[in-house]
Amino acid sequence: MSEIFGFERKEALALASLVVDLRITQIVNGVRGVHAVLPHGSIR
């Protein structure tokens, strides 16, 4: 978000805590896969 939208680190973290969705993608042998998804249109 900092590179694409030009937010400072603090602003990006604050915004991400509101709009980013975390999705568990796999759980194998105790190893977890997680994707952070930023929905289209959430930042204008």
C-alpha atoms as a PDB file:
ATOM      1  CA  MET A   1       0.000   0.000   0.000  1.00  0.00           C
ATOM      2  CA  SER A   2       2.937   2.295   0.649  1.00  0.00           C
ATOM      3  CA  GLU A   3       4.425   1.738  -2.796  1.00  0.00           C
ATOM      4  CA  ILE A   4       1.211   1.717  -4.801  1.00  0.00           C
ATOM      5  CA  PHE A   5      -0.869   4.360  -3.005  1.00  0.00           C
ATOM      6  CA  GLY A   6       1.869   6.440  -1.371  1.00  0.00           C
ATOM      7  CA  PHE A   7       0.754   5.977   2.236  1.00  0.00           C
ATOM      8  CA  GLU A   8       3.209   6.288   5.089  1.00  0.00           C
ATOM      9  CA  ARG A   9       3.788   3.057   7.038  1.00  0.00           C
ATOM     10  CA  LYS A  10       1.552   4.112   9.960  1.00  0.00           C
ATOM     11  CA  GLU A  11      -1.300   5.099   7.648  1.00  0.00           C
ATOM     12  CA  ALA A  12      -1.028   1.850   5.660  1.00  0.00           C
ATOM     13  CA  LEU A  13      -1.111  -0.271   8.820  1.00  0.00           C
ATOM     14  CA  ALA A  14      -4.104   1.620  10.201  1.00  0.00           C
ATOM     15  CA  LEU A  15      -6.014   1.310   6.927  1.00  0.00           C
ATOM     16  CA  ALA A  16      -5.081  -2.358   6.507  1.00  0.00           C
ATOM     17  CA  SER A  17      -6.472  -3.162   9.945  1.00  0.00           C
ATOM     18  CA  LEU A  18      -9.860  -1.930   8.682  1.00  0.00           C
ATOM     19  CA  VAL A  19     -10.084  -3.217   5.104  1.00  0.00           C
ATOM     20  CA  VAL A  20      -7.733  -6.186   4.609  1.00  0.00           C
ATOM     21  CA  ASP A  21      -9.315  -9.639   4.809  1.00  0.00           C
ATOM     22  CA  LEU A  22      -7.108 -12.529   6.026  1.00  0.00           C
ATOM     23  CA  ARG A  23      -7.891 -15.918   4.519  1.00  0.00           C
ATOM     24  CA  ILE A  24      -6.523 -19.246   5.682  1.00  0.00           C
ATOM     25  CA  THR A  25      -5.556 -21.113   2.511  1.00  0.00           C
ATOM     26  CA  GLN A  26      -4.063 -24.340   3.814  1.00  0.00           C
ATOM     27  CA  ILE A  27      -3.310 -26.203   6.980  1.00  0.00           C
ATOM     28  CA  VAL A  28      -0.906 -29.095   6.381  1.00  0.00           C
ATOM     29  CA  ASN A  29       1.185 -30.750   9.089  1.00  0.00           C
ATOM     30  CA  GLY A  30       0.822 -27.712  11.325  1.00  0.00           C
ATOM     31  CA  VAL A  31       1.963 -25.293   8.582  1.00  0.00           C
ATOM     32  CA  ARG A  32      -0.559 -22.555   7.874  1.00  0.00           C
ATOM     33  CA  GLY A  33      -0.949 -20.558   4.681  1.00  0.00           C
ATOM     34  CA  VAL A  34      -2.528 -17.114   4.979  1.00  0.00           C
ATOM     35  CA  HIS A  35      -3.326 -14.576   2.255  1.00  0.00           C
ATOM     36  CA  ALA A  36      -4.058 -10.920   2.940  1.00  0.00           C
ATOM     37  CA  VAL A  37      -6.695  -9.701   0.466  1.00  0.00           C
ATOM     38  CA  LEU A  38      -7.309  -6.027  -0.252  1.00  0.00           C
ATOM     39  CA  PRO A  39     -10.750  -5.797  -1.904  1.00  0.00           C
ATOM     40  CA  HIS A  40     -11.070  -3.789  -5.125  1.00  0.00           C
ATOM     41  CA  GLY A  41     -12.447  -0.316  -4.514  1.00  0.00           C
ATOM     42  CA  SER A  42     -11.601  -0.273  -0.821  1.00  0.00           C
ATOM     43  CA  ILE A  43      -9.084   2.534  -1.427  1.00  0.00           C
ATOM     44  CA  ARG A  44     -10.059   5.347  -3.738  1.00  0.00           C
END
